[in-house]
C-alpha cells in the first residue's frame, strides 16, 4: 500500500469537535436486505447505542467482534441506513485505503465511554 497524502492542516479546535469514545460491542445483528450492513449494539457506560456499520463482507463471521471494545464517533447526526437507525460511526482502520478494515481498539481494557484525544 502507498500511503495517501496527508489531508490539509486543521486547527486543534476542529479536532476537539469530534467525540470519539470507547464502547463495548454487546451484539452484532444482520441488517436484512443489505449486502454490507450489520447493526452493532454498543455499551458506552451510561447508555447504549445502535451503530450500523458496513462490516458484513469484511469478516467471515461479523459476530466475532461481540464483546470487544472499539472506538466510535458519537456526535454525528443520526442516520437511517437500510431502515435501521445508526447513532454514530465505527472508527475503523484501512477502509479508505482499500485495505480490509480492522477495529481501532484500546491496548487494554478501559471504562466504556472513555474519550479519545
Protein backbone atom coordinates (compact mmCIF):
# COMPACT_ATOMS: atom_id res chain seq x y z
CA UNK A 1 0.00 0.00 0.00
CA UNK A 2 1.18 3.50 -0.79
CA UNK A 3 0.10 5.89 1.99
CA UNK A 4 -2.31 8.61 0.90
CA UNK A 5 -1.19 12.24 1.03
CA UNK A 6 -1.76 13.99 4.35
CA UNK A 7 -5.02 15.94 4.39
CA UNK A 8 -4.96 19.74 4.73
CA UNK A 9 -3.98 21.07 8.14
CA UNK A 10 -6.76 21.77 10.62
CA UNK A 11 -6.87 23.66 13.88
CA UNK A 12 -6.79 21.71 17.14
CA UNK A 13 -10.21 23.18 17.89
CA UNK A 14 -11.55 21.33 14.81
CA UNK A 15 -10.27 18.03 16.18
CA UNK A 16 -11.81 18.77 19.60
CA UNK A 17 -15.25 18.86 17.95
CA UNK A 18 -15.13 15.10 17.22
CA UNK A 19 -16.43 12.97 20.10
CA UNK A 20 -14.54 9.66 19.84
CA UNK A 21 -15.25 7.19 22.64
CA UNK A 22 -14.59 3.61 23.63
CA UNK A 23 -17.60 1.32 23.58
CA UNK A 24 -18.11 -2.39 24.10
CA UNK A 25 -19.89 -4.17 21.25
CA UNK A 26 -22.54 -6.24 23.01
CA UNK A 27 -24.27 -7.65 19.93
CA UNK A 28 -23.89 -7.78 16.16
CA UNK A 29 -27.10 -8.31 14.18
CA UNK A 30 -27.66 -8.75 10.46
CA UNK A 31 -29.41 -5.86 8.69
CA UNK A 32 -31.98 -7.56 6.43
CA UNK A 33 -31.90 -6.68 2.72
CA UNK A 34 -28.34 -5.35 2.92
CA UNK A 35 -25.23 -6.96 1.48
CA UNK A 36 -22.86 -4.86 3.62
CA UNK A 37 -24.53 -3.66 6.80
CA UNK A 38 -24.60 -5.06 10.33
CA UNK A 39 -26.18 -3.41 13.38
CA UNK A 40 -23.92 -3.14 16.40
CA UNK A 41 -25.39 -2.57 19.85
CA UNK A 42 -22.70 -0.73 21.78
CA UNK A 43 -22.40 -0.05 25.53
CA UNK A 44 -20.91 3.37 26.31
CA UNK A 45 -21.12 3.02 30.09
CA UNK A 46 -24.02 5.38 30.72
CA UNK A 47 -26.07 4.38 27.65
CA UNK A 48 -26.22 2.05 24.66
CA UNK A 49 -26.47 2.95 21.01
CA UNK A 50 -27.28 1.32 17.71
CA UNK A 51 -24.38 1.77 15.28
CA UNK A 52 -24.78 0.49 11.71
CA UNK A 53 -21.50 -0.49 10.05
CA UNK A 54 -20.60 -1.92 6.64
CA UNK A 55 -18.73 -4.92 8.03
CA UNK A 56 -20.76 -7.85 6.68
CA UNK A 57 -18.38 -8.62 3.79
CA UNK A 58 -15.19 -7.71 5.66
CA UNK A 59 -15.26 -10.68 8.03
CA UNK A 60 -16.05 -14.34 7.66
CA UNK A 61 -18.10 -14.08 10.88
CA UNK A 62 -19.04 -10.48 11.78
CA UNK A 63 -20.31 -11.62 15.19
CA UNK A 64 -16.70 -12.38 16.19
CA UNK A 65 -16.37 -8.76 17.38
CA UNK A 66 -19.07 -9.17 20.04
CA UNK A 67 -17.60 -8.47 23.46
CA UNK A 68 -14.74 -6.35 22.04
CA UNK A 69 -14.07 -2.71 22.82
CA UNK A 70 -13.55 -0.34 19.90
CA UNK A 71 -13.57 3.37 19.08
CA UNK A 72 -16.71 5.11 17.81
CA UNK A 73 -17.60 8.64 16.68
CA UNK A 74 -20.67 9.67 18.67
CA UNK A 75 -21.54 13.21 17.68
CA UNK A 76 -22.61 12.62 14.08
CA UNK A 77 -26.25 13.19 13.18
CA UNK A 78 -28.37 10.04 13.42
CA UNK A 79 -28.83 8.35 10.06
CA UNK A 80 -31.24 5.67 8.87
CA UNK A 81 -29.38 3.00 6.89
CA UNK A 82 -31.37 0.24 5.16
CA UNK A 83 -34.23 1.06 7.53
CA UNK A 84 -32.13 0.84 10.72
CA UNK A 85 -31.18 3.87 12.82
CA UNK A 86 -27.46 4.49 13.26
CA UNK A 87 -26.43 6.73 16.17
CA UNK A 88 -22.75 7.10 15.39
CA UNK A 89 -19.93 5.55 13.40
CA UNK A 90 -17.48 2.72 13.96
CA UNK A 91 -13.97 4.23 13.81
CA UNK A 92 -12.09 1.54 11.88
CA UNK A 93 -8.77 1.49 10.06
CA UNK A 94 -7.99 0.63 6.43
CA UNK A 95 -11.24 1.10 4.50
CA UNK A 96 -10.28 4.46 2.96
CA UNK A 97 -7.06 2.88 1.63
CA UNK A 98 -8.70 -0.17 0.09
CA UNK A 99 -7.46 -2.45 2.87
CA UNK A 100 -9.64 -4.93 4.73
CA UNK A 101 -10.69 -2.79 7.69
CA UNK A 102 -9.85 -3.64 11.29
CA UNK A 103 -11.15 -2.23 14.55
CA UNK A 104 -9.45 0.66 16.32
CA UNK A 105 -9.11 -0.74 19.82
CA UNK A 106 -7.60 0.36 23.14
CA UNK A 107 -4.44 -1.54 24.10
CA UNK A 108 -6.01 -2.57 27.42
CA UNK A 109 -9.50 -2.66 28.91
CA UNK A 110 -10.70 0.85 29.74
CA UNK A 111 -14.09 2.04 31.02
CA UNK A 112 -16.77 2.19 28.32
CA UNK A 113 -17.41 5.81 27.41
CA UNK A 114 -13.78 6.91 27.88
CA UNK A 115 -12.92 9.64 25.37
CA UNK A 116 -10.09 9.60 22.84
CA UNK A 117 -7.96 12.65 22.32
